[in-house]
Structures are given as structure tokens and as C-alpha cells.
N, C-alpha and C. Protein backbone atom coordinates (compact mmCIF):
# COMPACT_ATOMS: atom_id res chain seq x y z
N ILE A 1 102.69 -2.55 -80.03
CA ILE A 1 101.56 -1.22 -80.35
C ILE A 1 101.62 -0.97 -81.81
N LYS A 2 102.25 -1.63 -82.55
CA LYS A 2 101.95 -2.15 -84.25
C LYS A 2 100.91 -2.88 -84.16
N ASN A 3 100.54 -4.10 -83.31
CA ASN A 3 99.67 -4.70 -83.72
C ASN A 3 98.68 -4.55 -82.63
N ASP A 4 98.46 -3.51 -81.92
CA ASP A 4 97.04 -2.85 -81.38
C ASP A 4 97.05 -3.93 -79.82
N ILE A 5 98.42 -4.41 -79.78
CA ILE A 5 97.90 -5.30 -78.18
C ILE A 5 98.08 -4.41 -76.87
N VAL A 6 98.99 -3.60 -77.34
CA VAL A 6 98.73 -2.46 -76.40
C VAL A 6 99.07 -0.94 -76.68
N LEU A 7 98.36 -0.02 -76.00
CA LEU A 7 98.43 1.42 -76.70
C LEU A 7 99.60 2.21 -76.16
N ASN A 8 100.24 2.02 -75.37
CA ASN A 8 101.17 3.10 -75.43
C ASN A 8 102.47 2.27 -75.00
N ASN A 9 103.79 3.00 -75.98
CA ASN A 9 104.99 2.52 -75.70
C ASN A 9 105.80 3.29 -74.75
N TYR A 10 105.74 3.21 -73.13
CA TYR A 10 106.33 4.01 -72.40
C TYR A 10 107.74 3.86 -72.54
N ALA A 11 108.79 3.08 -73.38
CA ALA A 11 109.84 2.97 -73.64
C ALA A 11 110.57 4.31 -74.51
N GLU A 12 109.47 4.84 -75.21
CA GLU A 12 109.76 5.84 -75.74
C GLU A 12 109.85 7.59 -74.81
N HIS A 13 109.67 7.63 -74.20
CA HIS A 13 109.76 8.86 -73.32
C HIS A 13 111.77 8.51 -72.67
N ILE A 14 111.94 7.10 -72.39
CA ILE A 14 113.38 6.86 -71.78
C ILE A 14 114.32 7.74 -72.32
N GLU A 15 114.82 8.79 -71.35
CA GLU A 15 115.90 9.13 -71.70
C GLU A 15 117.28 8.57 -71.21
N VAL A 16 118.14 8.09 -72.22
CA VAL A 16 119.45 7.49 -71.33
C VAL A 16 120.50 8.58 -71.57
N GLU A 17 121.13 9.40 -70.40
CA GLU A 17 122.16 10.37 -70.76
C GLU A 17 123.47 9.44 -70.20
N GLY A 18 124.28 9.64 -71.28
CA GLY A 18 125.64 8.84 -71.16
C GLY A 18 126.65 9.93 -71.45
N ILE A 19 127.98 9.60 -71.11
CA ILE A 19 129.14 10.67 -71.54
C ILE A 19 129.58 10.21 -72.91
N VAL A 20 129.58 10.94 -73.77
CA VAL A 20 129.84 10.68 -75.35
C VAL A 20 131.27 11.40 -75.35
N LYS A 21 132.58 10.70 -75.42
CA LYS A 21 133.55 11.30 -75.35
C LYS A 21 133.71 11.59 -77.14
N LYS A 22 134.00 12.48 -77.33
CA LYS A 22 134.37 13.17 -78.60
C LYS A 22 135.52 12.69 -79.05
N LYS A 23 136.16 12.31 -79.93
CA LYS A 23 137.43 12.05 -80.61
C LYS A 23 137.83 12.87 -81.89
N GLY A 24 138.83 13.19 -82.08
CA GLY A 24 139.35 14.37 -82.96
C GLY A 24 138.84 15.68 -82.78
N LYS A 25 138.89 16.53 -83.68
CA LYS A 25 138.39 17.84 -83.66
C LYS A 25 138.07 18.36 -85.12
N ILE A 26 137.73 19.48 -84.96
CA ILE A 26 136.91 19.98 -86.15
C ILE A 26 138.37 21.21 -86.77
N PHE A 27 138.45 21.36 -88.19
CA PHE A 27 139.21 22.33 -88.63
C PHE A 27 138.86 23.74 -88.27
N THR A 28 140.05 24.39 -87.90
CA THR A 28 139.89 25.90 -87.45
C THR A 28 139.07 26.50 -88.63
N ARG A 29 139.18 27.83 -88.57
CA ARG A 29 138.96 28.87 -90.00
C ARG A 29 140.13 28.92 -90.53
N ASP A 30 141.36 29.19 -89.53
CA ASP A 30 142.23 29.17 -90.31
C ASP A 30 143.36 28.02 -91.25
N GLU A 31 142.90 27.08 -90.39
CA GLU A 31 143.74 25.97 -91.32
C GLU A 31 142.88 25.27 -92.61
N ILE A 32 141.16 25.36 -92.62
CA ILE A 32 140.47 25.77 -93.71
C ILE A 32 140.90 26.44 -94.67
N GLN A 33 141.51 27.78 -94.41
CA GLN A 33 142.40 28.61 -95.14
C GLN A 33 143.08 28.10 -95.36
N THR A 34 144.42 27.50 -94.82
CA THR A 34 145.27 26.59 -95.14
C THR A 34 145.01 25.74 -96.50
N LEU A 35 143.85 25.39 -96.26
CA LEU A 35 143.64 24.54 -97.19
C LEU A 35 143.32 24.67 -98.72
N TRP A 36 142.02 26.04 -98.96
CA TRP A 36 142.14 26.96 -99.55
C TRP A 36 143.28 27.43 -100.60
N ASN A 37 144.47 27.90 -99.76
CA ASN A 37 145.52 28.41 -100.19
C ASN A 37 146.34 27.68 -100.90
N ASN A 38 146.14 26.23 -100.58
CA ASN A 38 146.71 25.04 -101.53
C ASN A 38 145.75 24.27 -102.38
N ALA A 39 144.68 24.95 -102.76
CA ALA A 39 143.74 24.43 -103.55
C ALA A 39 143.71 23.51 -104.88
N ASP A 40 145.31 24.29 -105.17
CA ASP A 40 145.60 23.33 -106.58
C ASP A 40 145.90 21.85 -106.25
N ASP A 41 146.18 21.57 -105.26
CA ASP A 41 146.48 19.78 -104.76
C ASP A 41 145.40 19.30 -104.75
N PRO A 42 145.35 18.31 -105.64
CA PRO A 42 144.30 17.46 -105.51
C PRO A 42 143.40 16.60 -104.48
N THR A 43 144.40 16.73 -103.89
CA THR A 43 143.58 15.71 -102.58
C THR A 43 143.48 16.85 -101.55
N VAL A 44 144.12 17.89 -101.28
CA VAL A 44 143.15 19.29 -100.77
C VAL A 44 142.00 19.53 -101.49
N GLN A 45 141.54 19.23 -102.35
CA GLN A 45 140.23 19.60 -103.22
C GLN A 45 139.60 18.54 -102.96
N TRP A 46 139.86 17.24 -102.67
CA TRP A 46 138.71 16.64 -101.85
C TRP A 46 138.60 16.83 -100.57
N ILE A 47 139.72 16.89 -99.89
CA ILE A 47 139.76 17.06 -98.09
C ILE A 47 138.34 18.49 -97.99
N LEU A 48 138.51 19.48 -99.17
CA LEU A 48 137.65 20.22 -98.92
C LEU A 48 136.07 19.80 -99.24
N ILE A 49 136.08 19.48 -100.45
CA ILE A 49 134.73 18.94 -100.76
C ILE A 49 134.50 17.97 -99.16
N LEU A 50 134.87 17.11 -98.82
CA LEU A 50 134.59 16.58 -97.41
C LEU A 50 133.76 17.36 -96.51
N ILE A 51 134.90 18.71 -96.22
CA ILE A 51 134.44 19.75 -95.06
C ILE A 51 133.36 20.15 -95.70
N TYR A 52 132.79 20.82 -96.82
CA TYR A 52 131.89 21.31 -97.14
C TYR A 52 130.67 20.58 -97.76
N SER A 53 130.74 19.23 -97.48
CA SER A 53 129.35 18.26 -97.97
C SER A 53 129.36 17.49 -96.61
N GLY A 54 130.02 17.21 -95.91
CA GLY A 54 129.72 16.38 -94.63
C GLY A 54 129.52 14.72 -94.93
N MET A 55 130.47 14.33 -96.23
CA MET A 55 130.75 13.02 -97.10
C MET A 55 131.82 12.21 -96.23
N ARG A 56 131.64 11.21 -95.59
CA ARG A 56 132.63 10.34 -95.73
C ARG A 56 133.85 10.40 -96.48
N ILE A 57 134.71 9.74 -96.36
CA ILE A 57 135.69 9.35 -97.29
C ILE A 57 135.46 8.10 -98.38
N GLY A 58 134.58 7.18 -97.79
CA GLY A 58 134.35 5.91 -98.48
C GLY A 58 133.12 6.11 -98.94
N GLU A 59 132.16 7.46 -98.55
CA GLU A 59 131.08 7.79 -99.54
C GLU A 59 131.81 8.55 -100.91
N LEU A 60 132.54 9.54 -100.79
CA LEU A 60 133.05 10.01 -102.07
C LEU A 60 133.98 9.44 -102.99
N LEU A 61 134.38 8.18 -102.14
CA LEU A 61 135.53 7.06 -102.86
C LEU A 61 134.36 6.36 -104.09
N ILE A 62 133.34 6.46 -103.58
CA ILE A 62 132.32 5.73 -104.64
C ILE A 62 131.10 6.56 -105.27
N MET A 63 131.11 7.84 -104.90
CA MET A 63 130.73 8.60 -105.74
C MET A 63 130.92 9.06 -107.21
N THR A 64 130.00 8.65 -108.10
CA THR A 64 130.27 8.40 -109.69
C THR A 64 129.18 9.72 -110.29
N SER A 65 130.07 9.75 -111.55
CA SER A 65 129.71 10.82 -112.16
C SER A 65 127.77 11.19 -112.11
N ASP A 66 127.42 9.57 -112.32
CA ASP A 66 126.30 9.56 -112.50
C ASP A 66 125.31 10.27 -111.45
N ASN A 67 125.80 10.21 -110.20
CA ASN A 67 125.08 10.91 -109.15
C ASN A 67 125.54 11.97 -108.93
N ILE A 68 126.04 12.99 -109.60
CA ILE A 68 126.49 14.34 -109.25
C ILE A 68 125.56 15.06 -110.34
N HIS A 69 124.87 16.26 -110.07
CA HIS A 69 123.96 17.18 -110.70
C HIS A 69 124.44 18.42 -110.11
N LEU A 70 125.49 18.68 -110.81
CA LEU A 70 126.14 20.30 -111.04
C LEU A 70 125.40 21.28 -111.35
N ASP A 71 124.20 20.64 -112.28
CA ASP A 71 123.18 21.87 -112.63
C ASP A 71 122.50 22.59 -111.78
N LYS A 72 122.30 21.59 -110.86
CA LYS A 72 121.47 21.97 -109.62
C LYS A 72 122.12 21.62 -108.34
N GLN A 73 123.42 21.36 -108.12
CA GLN A 73 124.29 21.90 -106.83
C GLN A 73 123.74 20.71 -105.97
N TYR A 74 123.94 19.41 -106.56
CA TYR A 74 123.59 18.22 -105.32
C TYR A 74 124.12 17.12 -105.75
N MET A 75 124.65 16.25 -105.30
CA MET A 75 124.87 14.80 -105.33
C MET A 75 123.82 13.80 -104.73
N VAL A 76 123.82 12.59 -105.35
CA VAL A 76 123.17 11.51 -104.53
C VAL A 76 124.03 10.16 -104.07
N GLY A 77 124.20 10.08 -102.66
CA GLY A 77 124.64 9.07 -102.35
C GLY A 77 124.79 8.94 -100.78
N GLY A 78 126.35 8.21 -100.13
CA GLY A 78 126.14 7.90 -98.91
C GLY A 78 126.32 5.91 -98.90
N LEU A 79 126.16 6.24 -97.91
CA LEU A 79 126.90 4.52 -97.07
C LEU A 79 126.59 4.40 -95.46
N LYS A 80 126.20 3.28 -94.78
CA LYS A 80 126.25 2.83 -93.61
C LYS A 80 124.72 2.90 -93.37
N SER A 81 123.79 3.29 -93.37
CA SER A 81 122.61 3.33 -92.73
C SER A 81 121.33 3.66 -93.88
N GLU A 82 120.19 3.32 -93.37
CA GLU A 82 119.00 3.48 -94.50
C GLU A 82 119.16 4.82 -94.52
N ALA A 83 119.30 5.73 -93.49
CA ALA A 83 119.17 7.10 -93.64
C ALA A 83 120.27 7.65 -94.43
N GLY A 84 121.83 7.07 -94.64
CA GLY A 84 122.79 7.26 -95.12
C GLY A 84 122.86 7.03 -96.54
N ARG A 85 122.27 6.28 -96.92
CA ARG A 85 122.13 5.89 -98.45
C ARG A 85 121.19 6.45 -99.20
N ASP A 86 121.84 6.78 -100.33
CA ASP A 86 120.99 7.60 -101.42
C ASP A 86 120.18 9.02 -100.98
N ARG A 87 121.00 9.82 -100.03
CA ARG A 87 120.69 10.91 -99.76
C ARG A 87 121.06 11.82 -100.68
N ILE A 88 120.23 13.23 -100.82
CA ILE A 88 120.77 14.28 -101.24
C ILE A 88 121.59 14.86 -100.42
N ILE A 89 122.93 15.06 -101.50
CA ILE A 89 123.87 15.95 -100.38
C ILE A 89 124.37 17.06 -101.41
N PRO A 90 123.82 18.57 -100.61
CA PRO A 90 124.35 19.84 -101.53
C PRO A 90 125.77 19.90 -101.82
N ILE A 91 125.80 20.28 -103.13
CA ILE A 91 127.28 21.02 -103.02
C ILE A 91 127.42 22.72 -103.35
N HIS A 92 128.14 22.82 -101.82
CA HIS A 92 128.03 24.23 -101.59
C HIS A 92 128.96 25.04 -102.60
N ASP A 93 128.43 26.53 -103.39
CA ASP A 93 128.62 27.22 -103.55
C ASP A 93 130.58 27.29 -104.08
N ALA A 94 130.95 27.32 -103.06
CA ALA A 94 132.63 27.08 -102.70
C ALA A 94 133.33 25.82 -103.56
N ILE A 95 132.58 25.06 -103.56
CA ILE A 95 133.18 23.96 -104.13
C ILE A 95 133.01 23.18 -105.45
N VAL A 96 131.83 24.08 -106.13
CA VAL A 96 131.51 23.81 -107.32
C VAL A 96 133.04 23.46 -108.48
N PRO A 97 133.59 24.42 -108.27
CA PRO A 97 134.72 24.57 -109.14
C PRO A 97 135.60 22.97 -108.86
N LEU A 98 135.65 23.40 -107.50
CA LEU A 98 136.54 21.80 -107.02
C LEU A 98 135.69 20.50 -107.52
N VAL A 99 134.70 20.66 -107.21
CA VAL A 99 133.99 19.50 -107.96
C VAL A 99 134.19 19.01 -109.10
N GLN A 100 133.94 19.91 -110.18
CA GLN A 100 134.34 20.12 -111.80
C GLN A 100 135.90 19.96 -112.19
N LYS A 101 136.88 20.21 -111.52
CA LYS A 101 138.37 19.79 -111.61
C LYS A 101 138.26 18.40 -111.19
N GLN A 102 137.86 17.75 -109.78
CA GLN A 102 137.81 16.55 -109.66
C GLN A 102 137.41 15.47 -110.36
N LEU A 103 136.33 15.97 -110.69
CA LEU A 103 135.72 15.01 -111.73
C LEU A 103 135.95 14.80 -113.43
N GLY A 104 136.50 16.18 -113.20
CA GLY A 104 136.56 16.45 -115.13
C GLY A 104 135.73 15.43 -115.89
N THR A 105 136.20 14.47 -116.67
CA THR A 105 135.37 13.39 -117.67
C THR A 105 135.52 12.14 -117.30
N ALA A 106 136.19 11.96 -115.80
CA ALA A 106 136.08 10.47 -115.40
C ALA A 106 134.72 9.99 -114.53
N LYS A 107 134.52 8.93 -114.27
CA LYS A 107 133.53 8.15 -113.51
C LYS A 107 133.39 8.47 -112.17
N HIS A 108 134.92 8.42 -111.70
CA HIS A 108 135.04 8.68 -109.98
C HIS A 108 135.67 9.72 -109.61
N PHE A 109 135.43 10.66 -108.58
CA PHE A 109 136.13 11.34 -107.84
C PHE A 109 137.68 11.36 -107.61
N ILE A 110 137.83 10.59 -106.71
CA ILE A 110 139.19 10.31 -106.23
C ILE A 110 139.87 9.08 -106.79
N ARG A 111 141.07 9.29 -107.63
CA ARG A 111 141.66 8.63 -108.47
C ARG A 111 143.35 9.05 -108.76
N ASP A 112 143.96 8.18 -109.04
CA ASP A 112 145.13 7.89 -108.74
C ASP A 112 145.97 8.82 -110.05
N LYS A 113 147.25 9.21 -110.41
CA LYS A 113 147.38 9.98 -111.56
C LYS A 113 147.15 9.24 -112.85
N ARG A 114 146.80 8.00 -112.90
CA ARG A 114 146.44 6.93 -113.99
C ARG A 114 145.26 7.22 -114.44
N GLY A 115 144.37 8.06 -113.42
CA GLY A 115 143.14 8.16 -113.59
C GLY A 115 141.99 7.10 -113.08
N ARG A 116 142.44 6.01 -112.22
CA ARG A 116 142.10 4.72 -111.86
C ARG A 116 141.38 5.17 -110.51
N LYS A 117 140.33 4.49 -110.15
CA LYS A 117 140.00 4.84 -108.77
C LYS A 117 141.05 4.50 -107.84
N ILE A 118 141.16 4.92 -106.39
CA ILE A 118 141.85 4.01 -105.58
C ILE A 118 141.41 3.66 -104.37
N SER A 119 142.02 2.61 -103.82
CA SER A 119 141.37 2.47 -102.56
C SER A 119 141.19 2.93 -101.49
N TYR A 120 140.44 2.50 -100.44
CA TYR A 120 140.12 3.25 -98.98
C TYR A 120 141.44 3.52 -98.50
N SER A 121 142.36 2.38 -98.66
CA SER A 121 143.24 2.55 -97.64
C SER A 121 144.64 3.73 -98.41
N ARG A 122 144.53 3.67 -99.70
CA ARG A 122 145.19 4.80 -100.21
C ARG A 122 144.85 6.08 -99.97
N ALA A 123 143.30 6.29 -99.97
CA ALA A 123 142.92 7.47 -99.58
C ALA A 123 142.91 8.16 -98.24
N LEU A 124 143.57 7.51 -97.35
CA LEU A 124 143.77 7.48 -95.96
C LEU A 124 145.14 7.57 -96.23
N ASP A 125 146.17 7.15 -96.92
CA ASP A 125 147.77 7.60 -96.72
C ASP A 125 147.56 8.91 -97.51
N ASN A 126 147.06 9.14 -98.39
CA ASN A 126 147.04 10.39 -99.09
C ASN A 126 146.31 11.57 -97.86
N PHE A 127 145.47 11.11 -97.14
CA PHE A 127 145.09 12.21 -96.41
C PHE A 127 146.08 12.76 -95.20
N LYS A 128 146.67 11.62 -94.88
CA LYS A 128 147.78 11.88 -94.09
C LYS A 128 148.86 12.44 -94.24
N ASP A 129 149.36 12.06 -95.37
CA ASP A 129 150.45 13.02 -96.24
C ASP A 129 149.84 14.05 -96.54
N THR A 130 149.11 14.54 -96.89
CA THR A 130 148.42 15.93 -97.27
C THR A 130 148.36 16.61 -95.72
N MET A 131 147.88 16.06 -94.47
CA MET A 131 147.91 16.69 -93.65
C MET A 131 148.80 16.93 -93.08
N ASN A 132 150.05 16.03 -92.91
CA ASN A 132 151.28 16.43 -92.81
C ASN A 132 152.06 17.40 -93.40
N LYS A 133 151.85 17.49 -94.37
CA LYS A 133 152.44 18.36 -95.67
C LYS A 133 151.97 19.94 -94.96
N TYR A 134 150.92 20.14 -94.78
CA TYR A 134 150.37 21.30 -94.36
C TYR A 134 150.48 21.64 -93.17
N ASN A 135 150.92 21.03 -92.09
CA ASN A 135 150.86 20.98 -90.61
C ASN A 135 149.91 21.08 -90.23
N LEU A 136 148.64 20.04 -90.70
CA LEU A 136 147.77 19.91 -90.14
C LEU A 136 147.48 18.09 -89.68
N ALA A 137 148.72 17.75 -88.96
CA ALA A 137 148.87 16.61 -88.66
C ALA A 137 147.88 15.72 -87.49
N GLU A 138 147.32 16.59 -86.62
CA GLU A 138 146.56 15.96 -85.61
C GLU A 138 145.32 15.76 -85.88
N HIS A 139 144.78 16.25 -87.52
CA HIS A 139 143.39 15.69 -87.97
C HIS A 139 143.30 14.31 -88.32
N LEU A 140 142.06 14.02 -88.20
CA LEU A 140 141.89 12.47 -88.32
C LEU A 140 140.35 12.84 -89.83
N PRO A 141 140.35 12.09 -90.59
CA PRO A 141 139.43 11.98 -91.67
C PRO A 141 138.06 12.44 -91.27
N HIS A 142 137.79 12.03 -90.30
CA HIS A 142 136.29 12.30 -89.81
C HIS A 142 136.37 13.60 -89.59
N ASP A 143 137.49 14.33 -89.06
CA ASP A 143 137.39 15.71 -88.54
C ASP A 143 136.36 16.69 -89.69
N THR A 144 136.52 15.90 -90.79
CA THR A 144 135.86 16.95 -92.08
C THR A 144 134.62 16.91 -91.93
N ARG A 145 133.83 15.69 -91.56
CA ARG A 145 132.52 15.56 -91.23
C ARG A 145 132.10 16.38 -90.21
N LYS A 146 133.05 16.26 -89.15
CA LYS A 146 132.63 16.99 -87.85
C LYS A 146 132.61 18.48 -87.79
N THR A 147 133.12 18.90 -89.26
CA THR A 147 133.57 20.02 -89.45
C THR A 147 132.48 20.89 -90.12
N ALA A 148 132.02 19.90 -91.02
CA ALA A 148 130.83 20.10 -92.00
C ALA A 148 129.83 20.53 -90.85
N VAL A 149 129.41 19.36 -89.98
CA VAL A 149 128.17 19.64 -89.29
C VAL A 149 128.11 21.02 -88.15
N SER A 150 129.19 21.05 -87.92
CA SER A 150 129.77 22.49 -86.95
C SER A 150 129.68 23.65 -87.65
N LEU A 151 130.12 23.67 -89.06
CA LEU A 151 129.75 24.95 -89.66
C LEU A 151 128.21 25.21 -90.19
N MET A 152 127.90 23.90 -90.52
CA MET A 152 125.98 23.75 -90.88
C MET A 152 125.50 24.77 -89.86
N HIS A 153 125.77 24.21 -88.40
CA HIS A 153 124.95 24.69 -87.16
C HIS A 153 125.18 26.25 -86.95
N SER A 154 126.50 26.34 -87.28
CA SER A 154 126.87 28.06 -86.94
C SER A 154 126.35 28.89 -87.96
N ALA A 155 126.00 28.02 -89.18
CA ALA A 155 125.47 29.35 -90.35
C ALA A 155 123.69 29.01 -90.16
N GLY A 156 123.23 28.50 -89.16
CA GLY A 156 121.98 28.32 -88.87
C GLY A 156 120.75 27.45 -89.20
N ILE A 157 121.58 26.62 -89.98
CA ILE A 157 120.90 25.45 -90.69
C ILE A 157 119.98 24.68 -89.29
N PRO A 158 119.30 24.23 -89.41
CA PRO A 158 118.18 23.33 -88.46
C PRO A 158 118.79 22.32 -88.60
N ILE A 159 118.99 21.54 -87.20
CA ILE A 159 119.64 20.20 -86.89
C ILE A 159 119.09 19.43 -87.78
N GLU A 160 117.86 19.31 -87.87
CA GLU A 160 117.01 18.23 -88.34
C GLU A 160 117.41 18.46 -89.75
N THR A 161 117.83 19.41 -90.18
CA THR A 161 118.28 19.27 -92.02
C THR A 161 119.70 18.78 -92.12
N ILE A 162 120.33 19.37 -91.23
CA ILE A 162 121.99 18.92 -90.78
C ILE A 162 121.74 17.08 -90.69
N ARG A 163 120.92 16.62 -89.93
CA ARG A 163 121.09 14.96 -89.81
C ARG A 163 120.55 14.47 -91.07
N VAL A 164 119.61 15.17 -91.96
CA VAL A 164 119.55 14.70 -93.53
C VAL A 164 120.36 14.79 -94.07
N ILE A 165 121.66 15.78 -94.54
CA ILE A 165 122.06 16.10 -95.09
C ILE A 165 123.38 14.90 -94.85
N VAL A 166 123.63 14.78 -93.61
CA VAL A 166 124.60 13.66 -93.33
C VAL A 166 124.29 12.82 -93.31
N GLY A 167 122.82 12.47 -93.21
CA GLY A 167 122.37 10.99 -93.24
C GLY A 167 122.44 10.25 -91.59
N HIS A 168 122.13 10.61 -90.93
CA HIS A 168 121.66 10.38 -89.40
C HIS A 168 120.42 10.51 -89.33
N SER A 169 119.83 9.16 -88.79
CA SER A 169 118.54 9.05 -88.51
C SER A 169 118.06 9.27 -86.86
N GLY A 170 118.90 8.89 -86.17
CA GLY A 170 118.42 9.23 -84.87
C GLY A 170 118.97 10.57 -84.01
N LYS A 171 118.23 10.57 -83.19
CA LYS A 171 118.03 11.89 -82.62
C LYS A 171 119.73 11.77 -81.58
N GLY A 172 120.38 12.87 -81.67
CA GLY A 172 121.19 13.07 -80.71
C GLY A 172 122.74 12.42 -81.07
N VAL A 173 122.61 11.52 -82.00
CA VAL A 173 124.05 11.67 -82.57
C VAL A 173 124.76 12.56 -83.34
N THR A 174 123.96 13.32 -83.96
CA THR A 174 124.74 14.78 -84.43
C THR A 174 124.99 15.62 -83.85
N GLU A 175 124.43 15.82 -82.58
CA GLU A 175 124.69 16.87 -81.73
C GLU A 175 125.55 16.39 -80.70
N LYS A 176 125.38 15.13 -79.97
CA LYS A 176 126.77 14.88 -79.14
C LYS A 176 127.90 14.38 -79.77
N VAL A 177 128.15 13.84 -80.98
CA VAL A 177 129.06 13.12 -81.47
C VAL A 177 129.56 13.98 -82.54
N TYR A 178 128.93 15.21 -83.31
CA TYR A 178 129.45 15.81 -84.44
C TYR A 178 129.71 17.33 -84.37
N LEU A 179 129.12 17.61 -83.57
CA LEU A 179 128.95 18.97 -83.51
C LEU A 179 129.81 19.56 -82.19
N TYR A 180 130.54 20.43 -82.60
CA TYR A 180 131.54 21.08 -81.77
C TYR A 180 131.48 22.56 -82.08
N LYS A 181 131.80 23.35 -80.86
CA LYS A 181 131.47 24.43 -80.60
C LYS A 181 132.40 25.90 -80.15
N ASP A 182 133.15 26.57 -80.83
CA ASP A 182 134.22 27.15 -79.87
C ASP A 182 133.57 27.89 -79.12
N PRO A 183 134.14 28.29 -77.99
CA PRO A 183 133.91 28.81 -76.87
C PRO A 183 133.60 30.28 -77.36
N SER A 184 134.41 31.06 -78.18
CA SER A 184 134.19 32.54 -78.65
C SER A 184 132.78 32.53 -79.38
N GLU A 185 132.41 31.26 -79.82
CA GLU A 185 130.82 31.47 -80.68
C GLU A 185 129.73 31.18 -79.26
N LEU A 186 130.10 30.30 -78.36
CA LEU A 186 128.94 30.21 -77.30
C LEU A 186 129.19 31.14 -76.64
């Protein structure tokens, strides 16, 4: 098709349906409230930032002050795919103070007590420790991203916009893997 050798791409009309087994679960409103009730904890702050932005931990770890535009409430960052890199990530009103606290005058978001950037494995340990501390141990780090997608969808944000925010290029991944709906909402 690209070289005008054939005129039709019949493969684009093929729909392959498979069963996608979802792993993890989203944070409930009560669990999110538990986090807000403990928002003085620096690890809770960045967990809330993940829930309200849809970023991955790795994306937040490499986020620097150069890519944060608080005056316009967005960040530029991302990983993994072409659609995911250098994307605009809105900063929700609720997390603006958390972003300000987390960043302060430092270059990197997530730091140790001495202000140094921490490793991915240390961030995971901090996540697990914090989930245990607040009786949320069943949650995985990627649940923050799934929660963000589900909350955005529940707020009426079009799925196409959600895909751009979280950096998904293909149709279906956002809906099949990341979108969870509460039975009462359905």
C-alpha cells in the first residue's frame, strides 16, 4: 500500500479477540482517601501523583524540574513507546501542592533523605512498605496507572484523550488492560 503496489489493506479490518486477564486492581475511593489522609508522607505524595497523572513509577523517577511546568499545570515525560515518550501529562489541581512539595528546589522528584535520586528497586520497596503501612498491601505499583485511567474515564474524558495522556498508541490496550469499572457505575 505504501508503495502503491496494492490498493487495499484487508488486514486492517481483521479483529482478533482474545481474553485479556487483568492483573492487579484499582484503588477504591476509600483507599485514595486513606492516602490523602496521610499525604504528609513523602511516599504517599508521589503515589497520589501517580494516581492522578497516570504515569509509571519509572517515568516519575526520571522526571526532572526542567520538564515540569507548574504555571501551566503540565509535565513532559514518559517512557516505553513512541506514543509514550515526551508526552504532555496534565497536573490535576489536587496534586499541584504535592508536586510542589515533592520537587521543592531539587532536580528529581523521588529522592532519598539526603536529596539523591533513588533507584527503581528502592522506589518499589518504598511503595510496598507504604502499602503495608496503610493496609493497602494488595496493590501493585501499576494499579496507580489503572486507577488513573479508570478515574479519567468515569469523569467523562474521551478514551482517545486518555490514550494520549497515558501514552498508548494502539486501540484496545487502554480499554482492555487499564480500564476497570465498579459494578455500581455500570
